[in-house]
Protein backbone atom coordinates (compact mmCIF):
# COMPACT_ATOMS: atom_id res chain seq x y z
CA UNK A 1 -13.58 -20.98 -8.26
CA UNK A 2 -11.84 -22.32 -5.20
CA UNK A 3 -9.60 -25.38 -5.00
CA UNK A 4 -10.92 -28.52 -3.34
CA UNK A 5 -9.26 -31.53 -1.74
CA UNK A 6 -7.18 -33.32 -4.41
CA UNK A 7 -8.22 -30.71 -7.02
CA UNK A 8 -6.28 -27.49 -7.54
CA UNK A 9 -7.32 -24.60 -9.76
CA UNK A 10 -4.61 -23.08 -11.97
CA UNK A 11 -5.35 -19.64 -13.39
CA UNK A 12 -2.47 -17.50 -14.55
CA UNK A 13 -2.72 -14.27 -16.51
CA UNK A 14 0.59 -14.81 -18.32
CA UNK A 15 0.53 -18.59 -18.82
CA UNK A 16 -1.00 -20.79 -21.48
CA UNK A 17 -2.61 -23.25 -19.01
CA UNK A 18 -5.85 -22.59 -17.20
CA UNK A 19 -7.73 -25.46 -15.65
CA UNK A 20 -7.80 -28.03 -12.86
CA UNK A 21 -5.13 -30.44 -11.64
CA UNK A 22 -6.13 -33.71 -10.00
CA UNK A 23 -3.45 -35.04 -7.68
CA UNK A 24 -3.97 -37.95 -5.30
CA UNK A 25 -1.50 -40.15 -3.43
CA UNK A 26 -2.24 -43.63 -2.16
CA UNK A 27 0.16 -46.17 -0.67
CA UNK A 28 3.26 -44.33 -1.85
CA UNK A 29 2.06 -43.73 -5.43
CA UNK A 30 0.98 -40.33 -6.74
CA UNK A 31 -1.46 -39.92 -9.63
CA UNK A 32 -1.71 -36.58 -11.44
CA UNK A 33 -3.87 -35.44 -14.36
CA UNK A 34 -4.56 -31.98 -15.77
CA UNK A 35 -7.99 -30.90 -17.00
CA UNK A 36 -7.57 -27.76 -19.17
CA UNK A 37 -10.49 -25.38 -19.68
CA UNK A 38 -9.85 -25.24 -23.44
CA UNK A 39 -10.23 -28.99 -23.89
CA UNK A 40 -13.37 -29.35 -21.76
CA UNK A 41 -15.14 -26.15 -22.73
CA UNK A 42 -14.72 -23.92 -19.71
CA UNK A 43 -13.88 -23.95 -16.02
CA UNK A 44 -17.12 -25.55 -14.85
CA UNK A 45 -16.97 -28.40 -17.37
CA UNK A 46 -13.30 -29.09 -16.64
CA UNK A 47 -14.10 -29.17 -12.90
CA UNK A 48 -16.95 -31.63 -13.53
CA UNK A 49 -14.63 -33.89 -15.54
CA UNK A 50 -11.96 -33.70 -12.82
CA UNK A 51 -14.46 -34.50 -10.06
CA UNK A 52 -15.81 -37.48 -12.02
CA UNK A 53 -12.30 -38.82 -12.62
CA UNK A 54 -11.41 -38.30 -8.96
CA UNK A 55 -14.42 -40.29 -7.76
CA UNK A 56 -13.68 -43.14 -10.18
CA UNK A 57 -10.03 -43.16 -9.13
CA UNK A 58 -10.89 -43.18 -5.42
CA UNK A 59 -13.27 -46.10 -5.96
CA UNK A 60 -10.62 -48.04 -7.86
CA UNK A 61 -7.88 -47.35 -5.31
CA UNK A 62 -10.07 -48.17 -2.32
CA UNK A 63 -10.63 -51.72 -3.54
CA UNK A 64 -7.14 -52.23 -4.99
CA UNK A 65 -4.84 -54.97 -3.72
CA UNK A 66 -1.73 -54.05 -1.80
CA UNK A 67 1.50 -55.96 -1.25
CA UNK A 68 3.62 -54.89 1.71
CA UNK A 69 1.53 -51.72 1.98
CA UNK A 70 2.12 -50.67 -1.65
CA UNK A 71 -0.27 -50.82 -4.59
CA UNK A 72 0.31 -53.70 -6.99
CA UNK A 73 1.64 -52.89 -10.48
CA UNK A 74 -1.70 -54.06 -11.93
CA UNK A 75 -3.62 -51.60 -9.73
CA UNK A 76 -1.29 -48.76 -10.72
CA UNK A 77 -1.71 -49.60 -14.41
CA UNK A 78 -5.53 -49.67 -14.05
CA UNK A 79 -5.47 -46.25 -12.38
CA UNK A 80 -3.20 -44.79 -15.05
CA UNK A 81 -5.44 -46.23 -17.79
CA UNK A 82 -8.51 -44.73 -16.12
CA UNK A 83 -6.87 -41.29 -16.05
CA UNK A 84 -5.68 -41.60 -19.65
CA UNK A 85 -9.27 -42.16 -20.88
CA UNK A 86 -10.49 -38.81 -19.55
């Protein structure tokens, strides 16, 4: 499988981790979450979970308040909570 915007595929022969990494930056804040194949039941299911989380995160960040061009602490906490649930 090929990487997509904000989603990167990690597959190493000699490493313990195989899966997808979600990484998105908005207004100076970077959000990262890993979606391992083992936890989600395979590469396709982990990709689906990562894509779902990415869409929810984009929706949240699009409507989030900003102060001086930066996300508010409340918006950052909501985004981190959203990622922690997945």
